[in-house]
Amino acid sequence: MESNPVKEVKGFGVKSNIYIFIITILSNMSILNKIEDSFKGMVTIGKVDTSITTYLKEFRDVLIRSKNQFSGKKDVFNDFPIFHALETQIRVINQMIYRIELAPKIHDNPQVADDALFVLPQLRLVNDSITNKMKSDNHYIMGISSRLQILSMKNNMYPPQEKVLQSISKTNLEDNFNRFVSRVGEEIERV
């Protein structure tokens, strides 16, 4: 009997092709390695290379796709830590892109690379924990995601609060709140 490659992947809550899931994990690892190597190279030569934004945008796009998968899930309470971790990573990557693009204008060479290298190990830990959710519990994911946020703030790799608030659209917030209230109502009725 032929084995079925479509399996439930814990943490995604949908039927996913296990091979695509594995390729995504390997792709994230590869992108993060390229990002880290690029930042190390910038530190060595003492100059920012803006071409790194290609890798950062590629990684951000993967995170956004993952976040969008989670946005439509029914199990809001269990998946919030993952959603928070994805959102935190997206904000960190966006701030890295911003600082890289701004660096040549404000002579932030190679400080931006040094700051990024302080943050990258925690970013990698958060990303690895999400992709290996079957081995990580939600409290752990929430804790390391919060540490990423704090570390990023200390190293100017997290957007200022005003910018974060501007990125939250009123319509999107209302839609998510209404969806949340609806799901809570469904859960109360079920109980």
C-alpha atoms as a PDB file:
ATOM      1  CA  MET A   1       0.000   0.000   0.000  1.00  0.00           C
ATOM      2  CA  GLU A   2       1.344   3.419  -1.006  1.00  0.00           C
ATOM      3  CA  SER A   3       1.931   5.906   1.825  1.00  0.00           C
ATOM      4  CA  ASN A   4       0.040   9.168   1.772  1.00  0.00           C
ATOM      5  CA  PRO A   5       2.373  12.204   1.943  1.00  0.00           C
ATOM      6  CA  VAL A   6      -0.458  14.443   3.185  1.00  0.00           C
ATOM      7  CA  LYS A   7      -0.437  14.476   6.961  1.00  0.00           C
ATOM      8  CA  GLU A   8      -1.617  16.702   9.748  1.00  0.00           C
ATOM      9  CA  VAL A   9       1.267  18.958  10.702  1.00  0.00           C
ATOM     10  CA  LYS A  10       0.849  19.987  14.320  1.00  0.00           C
ATOM     11  CA  GLY A  11       0.906  23.732  14.708  1.00  0.00           C
ATOM     12  CA  PHE A  12      -0.572  24.397  11.297  1.00  0.00           C
ATOM     13  CA  GLY A  13      -3.962  22.809  12.007  1.00  0.00           C
ATOM     14  CA  VAL A  14      -4.625  22.093   8.345  1.00  0.00           C
ATOM     15  CA  LYS A  15      -3.810  19.232   6.055  1.00  0.00           C
ATOM     16  CA  SER A  16      -0.394  20.088   4.726  1.00  0.00           C
ATOM     17  CA  ASN A  17       1.896  18.311   2.376  1.00  0.00           C
ATOM     18  CA  ILE A  18       4.710  17.162   4.664  1.00  0.00           C
ATOM     19  CA  TYR A  19       7.279  17.565   1.899  1.00  0.00           C
ATOM     20  CA  ILE A  20       6.341  21.210   1.339  1.00  0.00           C
ATOM     21  CA  PHE A  21       6.525  21.761   5.108  1.00  0.00           C
ATOM     22  CA  ILE A  22      10.037  20.263   5.253  1.00  0.00           C
ATOM     23  CA  ILE A  23      11.152  22.301   2.235  1.00  0.00           C
ATOM     24  CA  THR A  24       9.838  25.471   3.920  1.00  0.00           C
ATOM     25  CA  ILE A  25      11.824  24.698   7.083  1.00  0.00           C
ATOM     26  CA  LEU A  26      14.988  24.065   5.065  1.00  0.00           C
ATOM     27  CA  SER A  27      14.365  27.202   3.013  1.00  0.00           C
ATOM     28  CA  ASN A  28      14.017  29.321   6.186  1.00  0.00           C
ATOM     29  CA  MET A  29      17.244  27.857   7.548  1.00  0.00           C
ATOM     30  CA  SER A  30      19.012  28.586   4.278  1.00  0.00           C
ATOM     31  CA  ILE A  31      17.724  32.166   4.126  1.00  0.00           C
ATOM     32  CA  LEU A  32      18.697  32.807   7.759  1.00  0.00           C
ATOM     33  CA  ASN A  33      22.188  31.422   7.080  1.00  0.00           C
ATOM     34  CA  LYS A  34      22.563  33.764   4.093  1.00  0.00           C
ATOM     35  CA  ILE A  35      21.364  36.710   6.180  1.00  0.00           C
ATOM     36  CA  GLU A  36      23.773  35.908   9.003  1.00  0.00           C
ATOM     37  CA  ASP A  37      26.709  35.401   6.619  1.00  0.00           C
ATOM     38  CA  SER A  38      25.926  38.702   4.894  1.00  0.00           C
ATOM     39  CA  PHE A  39      25.849  40.618   8.182  1.00  0.00           C
ATOM     40  CA  LYS A  40      29.134  38.991   9.266  1.00  0.00           C
ATOM     41  CA  GLY A  41      30.670  40.047   5.957  1.00  0.00           C
ATOM     42  CA  MET A  42      29.514  43.632   6.511  1.00  0.00           C
ATOM     43  CA  VAL A  43      31.142  43.690   9.932  1.00  0.00           C
ATOM     44  CA  THR A  44      34.381  42.344   8.451  1.00  0.00           C
ATOM     45  CA  ILE A  45      34.579  44.957   5.694  1.00  0.00           C
ATOM     46  CA  GLY A  46      32.994  47.724   7.777  1.00  0.00           C
ATOM     47  CA  LYS A  47      30.408  48.650   5.182  1.00  0.00           C
ATOM     48  CA  VAL A  48      26.702  47.906   4.740  1.00  0.00           C
ATOM     49  CA  ASP A  49      25.711  45.940   1.649  1.00  0.00           C
ATOM     50  CA  THR A  50      22.112  46.839   0.832  1.00  0.00           C
ATOM     51  CA  SER A  51      21.704  43.717  -1.318  1.00  0.00           C
ATOM     52  CA  ILE A  52      20.957  41.836   1.928  1.00  0.00           C
ATOM     53  CA  THR A  53      17.471  43.329   1.779  1.00  0.00           C
ATOM     54  CA  THR A  54      16.661  40.745  -0.906  1.00  0.00           C
ATOM     55  CA  TYR A  55      17.167  37.916   1.612  1.00  0.00           C
ATOM     56  CA  LEU A  56      15.398  39.839   4.371  1.00  0.00           C
ATOM     57  CA  LYS A  57      12.365  40.461   2.153  1.00  0.00           C
ATOM     58  CA  GLU A  58      12.321  36.827   1.070  1.00  0.00           C
ATOM     59  CA  PHE A  59      12.313  35.690   4.702  1.00  0.00           C
ATOM     60  CA  ARG A  60       9.667  38.278   5.610  1.00  0.00           C
ATOM     61  CA  ASP A  61       7.432  37.014   2.800  1.00  0.00           C
ATOM     62  CA  VAL A  62       7.670  33.456   4.165  1.00  0.00           C
ATOM     63  CA  LEU A  63       6.726  34.754   7.616  1.00  0.00           C
ATOM     64  CA  ILE A  64       3.778  36.720   6.224  1.00  0.00           C
ATOM     65  CA  ARG A  65       2.458  33.649   4.400  1.00  0.00           C
ATOM     66  CA  SER A  66       2.727  31.654   7.634  1.00  0.00           C
ATOM     67  CA  LYS A  67       0.979  34.417   9.582  1.00  0.00           C
ATOM     68  CA  ASN A  68      -1.840  34.502   7.047  1.00  0.00           C
ATOM     69  CA  GLN A  69      -2.300  30.738   7.470  1.00  0.00           C
ATOM     70  CA  PHE A  70      -2.723  31.233  11.200  1.00  0.00           C
ATOM     71  CA  SER A  71      -5.051  34.215  10.863  1.00  0.00           C
ATOM     72  CA  GLY A  72      -7.826  32.017   9.510  1.00  0.00           C
ATOM     73  CA  LYS A  73      -7.621  29.298  12.150  1.00  0.00           C
ATOM     74  CA  LYS A  74     -10.367  28.543  14.638  1.00  0.00           C
ATOM     75  CA  ASP A  75      -8.193  27.694  17.632  1.00  0.00           C
ATOM     76  CA  VAL A  76      -7.356  31.288  18.535  1.00  0.00           C
ATOM     77  CA  PHE A  77      -6.371  30.644  22.139  1.00  0.00           C
ATOM     78  CA  ASN A  78      -3.803  27.946  21.391  1.00  0.00           C
ATOM     79  CA  ASP A  79      -2.353  29.671  18.358  1.00  0.00           C
ATOM     80  CA  PHE A  80      -1.892  33.192  19.707  1.00  0.00           C
ATOM     81  CA  PRO A  81       1.724  32.558  20.812  1.00  0.00           C
ATOM     82  CA  ILE A  82       2.628  31.449  17.283  1.00  0.00           C
ATOM     83  CA  PHE A  83       0.809  34.407  15.748  1.00  0.00           C
ATOM     84  CA  HIS A  84       2.622  36.737  18.192  1.00  0.00           C
ATOM     85  CA  ALA A  85       5.978  35.126  17.360  1.00  0.00           C
ATOM     86  CA  LEU A  86       5.380  35.489  13.614  1.00  0.00           C
ATOM     87  CA  GLU A  87       4.264  39.109  14.009  1.00  0.00           C
ATOM     88  CA  THR A  88       7.310  39.893  16.161  1.00  0.00           C
ATOM     89  CA  GLN A  89       9.672  38.366  13.590  1.00  0.00           C
ATOM     90  CA  ILE A  90       8.010  40.322  10.764  1.00  0.00           C
ATOM     91  CA  ARG A  91       8.433  43.579  12.678  1.00  0.00           C
ATOM     92  CA  VAL A  92      12.083  42.812  13.428  1.00  0.00           C
ATOM     93  CA  ILE A  93      12.800  41.976   9.783  1.00  0.00           C
ATOM     94  CA  ASN A  94      10.998  45.132   8.609  1.00  0.00           C
ATOM     95  CA  GLN A  95      13.099  47.218  10.999  1.00  0.00           C
ATOM     96  CA  MET A  96      16.281  45.512   9.748  1.00  0.00           C
ATOM     97  CA  ILE A  97      15.301  46.380   6.171  1.00  0.00           C
ATOM     98  CA  TYR A  98      14.587  49.968   7.190  1.00  0.00           C
ATOM     99  CA  ARG A  99      17.912  50.344   8.998  1.00  0.00           C
ATOM    100  CA  ILE A 100      19.881  48.719   6.153  1.00  0.00           C
ATOM    101  CA  GLU A 101      18.320  51.069   3.598  1.00  0.00           C
ATOM    102  CA  LEU A 102      18.907  54.070   5.861  1.00  0.00           C
ATOM    103  CA  ALA A 103      22.472  53.120   6.908  1.00  0.00           C
ATOM    104  CA  PRO A 104      24.385  54.692   3.984  1.00  0.00           C
ATOM    105  CA  LYS A 105      22.520  57.991   4.440  1.00  0.00           C
ATOM    106  CA  ILE A 106      23.159  58.311   8.184  1.00  0.00           C
ATOM    107  CA  HIS A 107      26.548  56.568   8.246  1.00  0.00           C
ATOM    108  CA  ASP A 108      25.295  53.639  10.341  1.00  0.00           C
ATOM    109  CA  ASN A 109      28.107  51.436   8.997  1.00  0.00           C
ATOM    110  CA  PRO A 110      28.612  48.757  10.282  1.00  0.00           C
ATOM    111  CA  GLN A 111      26.629  49.368  13.504  1.00  0.00           C
ATOM    112  CA  VAL A 112      23.442  48.124  11.854  1.00  0.00           C
ATOM    113  CA  ALA A 113      25.183  44.816  11.089  1.00  0.00           C
ATOM    114  CA  ASP A 114      26.474  44.527  14.667  1.00  0.00           C
ATOM    115  CA  ASP A 115      22.967  45.185  16.016  1.00  0.00           C
ATOM    116  CA  ALA A 116      21.474  42.610  13.664  1.00  0.00           C
ATOM    117  CA  LEU A 117      24.018  39.985  14.716  1.00  0.00           C
ATOM    118  CA  PHE A 118      22.983  40.468  18.363  1.00  0.00           C
ATOM    119  CA  VAL A 119      19.350  39.808  17.424  1.00  0.00           C
ATOM    120  CA  LEU A 120      19.738  37.000  14.858  1.00  0.00           C
ATOM    121  CA  PRO A 121      20.379  34.105  17.285  1.00  0.00           C
ATOM    122  CA  GLN A 122      17.135  34.860  19.139  1.00  0.00           C
ATOM    123  CA  LEU A 123      15.277  35.321  15.835  1.00  0.00           C
ATOM    124  CA  ARG A 124      16.570  31.934  14.700  1.00  0.00           C
ATOM    125  CA  LEU A 125      15.500  30.366  18.018  1.00  0.00           C
ATOM    126  CA  VAL A 126      11.982  31.747  17.653  1.00  0.00           C
ATOM    127  CA  ASN A 127      11.756  30.628  14.034  1.00  0.00           C
ATOM    128  CA  ASP A 128      13.084  27.144  14.816  1.00  0.00           C
ATOM    129  CA  SER A 129      10.672  26.800  17.745  1.00  0.00           C
ATOM    130  CA  ILE A 130       7.704  27.703  15.550  1.00  0.00           C
ATOM    131  CA  THR A 131       8.697  25.300  12.813  1.00  0.00           C
ATOM    132  CA  ASN A 132       9.257  22.608  15.453  1.00  0.00           C
ATOM    133  CA  LYS A 133       6.074  23.415  17.362  1.00  0.00           C
ATOM    134  CA  MET A 134       5.538  19.732  17.963  1.00  0.00           C
ATOM    135  CA  LYS A 135       8.512  19.954  20.376  1.00  0.00           C
ATOM    136  CA  SER A 136       7.708  23.382  21.898  1.00  0.00           C
ATOM    137  CA  ASP A 137       4.828  24.438  24.096  1.00  0.00           C
ATOM    138  CA  ASN A 138       3.002  27.738  23.754  1.00  0.00           C
ATOM    139  CA  HIS A 139       4.415  29.233  26.969  1.00  0.00           C
ATOM    140  CA  TYR A 140       7.945  28.600  25.709  1.00  0.00           C
ATOM    141  CA  ILE A 141       7.169  30.139  22.299  1.00  0.00           C
ATOM    142  CA  MET A 142       5.588  33.188  23.931  1.00  0.00           C
ATOM    143  CA  GLY A 143       8.573  33.611  26.252  1.00  0.00           C
ATOM    144  CA  ILE A 144      11.240  33.448  23.554  1.00  0.00           C
ATOM    145  CA  SER A 145       9.172  35.675  21.283  1.00  0.00           C
ATOM    146  CA  SER A 146       8.932  38.274  24.050  1.00  0.00           C
ATOM    147  CA  ARG A 147      12.693  38.022  24.607  1.00  0.00           C
ATOM    148  CA  LEU A 148      13.223  38.592  20.865  1.00  0.00           C
ATOM    149  CA  GLN A 149      11.068  41.693  21.065  1.00  0.00           C
ATOM    150  CA  ILE A 150      12.953  43.064  24.093  1.00  0.00           C
ATOM    151  CA  LEU A 151      16.388  42.262  22.630  1.00  0.00           C
ATOM    152  CA  SER A 152      15.387  43.861  19.338  1.00  0.00           C
ATOM    153  CA  MET A 153      14.198  47.006  21.097  1.00  0.00           C
ATOM    154  CA  LYS A 154      17.521  47.285  22.972  1.00  0.00           C
ATOM    155  CA  ASN A 155      19.418  46.990  19.682  1.00  0.00           C
ATOM    156  CA  ASN A 156      17.208  49.330  17.630  1.00  0.00           C
ATOM    157  CA  MET A 157      15.912  46.399  15.608  1.00  0.00           C
ATOM    158  CA  TYR A 158      12.256  46.812  16.573  1.00  0.00           C
ATOM    159  CA  PRO A 159      10.098  49.618  15.236  1.00  0.00           C
ATOM    160  CA  PRO A 160       9.089  52.409  17.610  1.00  0.00           C
ATOM    161  CA  GLN A 161       5.669  52.099  19.234  1.00  0.00           C
ATOM    162  CA  GLU A 162       4.201  54.837  17.028  1.00  0.00           C
ATOM    163  CA  LYS A 163       5.183  52.912  13.915  1.00  0.00           C
ATOM    164  CA  VAL A 164       3.724  49.665  15.289  1.00  0.00           C
ATOM    165  CA  LEU A 165       0.438  51.413  16.058  1.00  0.00           C
ATOM    166  CA  GLN A 166       0.347  52.928  12.568  1.00  0.00           C
ATOM    167  CA  SER A 167       0.807  49.472  11.029  1.00  0.00           C
ATOM    168  CA  ILE A 168      -2.396  48.223  12.658  1.00  0.00           C
ATOM    169  CA  SER A 169      -5.264  49.105  10.362  1.00  0.00           C
ATOM    170  CA  LYS A 170      -8.594  49.888  12.009  1.00  0.00           C
ATOM    171  CA  THR A 171     -10.490  47.690   9.533  1.00  0.00           C
ATOM    172  CA  ASN A 172      -8.136  44.744  10.069  1.00  0.00           C
ATOM    173  CA  LEU A 173      -8.340  45.184  13.839  1.00  0.00           C
ATOM    174  CA  GLU A 174     -12.153  45.308  13.738  1.00  0.00           C
ATOM    175  CA  ASP A 175     -12.306  42.239  11.469  1.00  0.00           C
ATOM    176  CA  ASN A 176      -9.997  40.260  13.748  1.00  0.00           C
ATOM    177  CA  PHE A 177     -11.873  41.375  16.860  1.00  0.00           C
ATOM    178  CA  ASN A 178     -15.240  40.389  15.325  1.00  0.00           C
ATOM    179  CA  ARG A 179     -13.805  37.030  14.269  1.00  0.00           C
ATOM    180  CA  PHE A 180     -12.440  36.540  17.793  1.00  0.00           C
ATOM    181  CA  VAL A 181     -15.811  37.406  19.406  1.00  0.00           C
ATOM    182  CA  SER A 182     -17.570  35.045  17.024  1.00  0.00           C
ATOM    183  CA  ARG A 183     -15.213  32.192  17.887  1.00  0.00           C
ATOM    184  CA  VAL A 184     -15.529  32.855  21.606  1.00  0.00           C
ATOM    185  CA  GLY A 185     -19.313  32.765  21.190  1.00  0.00           C
ATOM    186  CA  GLU A 186     -19.067  29.451  19.329  1.00  0.00           C
ATOM    187  CA  GLU A 187     -16.847  28.081  22.096  1.00  0.00           C
ATOM    188  CA  ILE A 188     -19.273  29.189  24.811  1.00  0.00           C
ATOM    189  CA  GLU A 189     -22.189  27.587  22.952  1.00  0.00           C
ATOM    190  CA  ARG A 190     -20.216  24.366  22.582  1.00  0.00           C
ATOM    191  CA  VAL A 191     -19.509  24.206  26.309  1.00  0.00           C
END
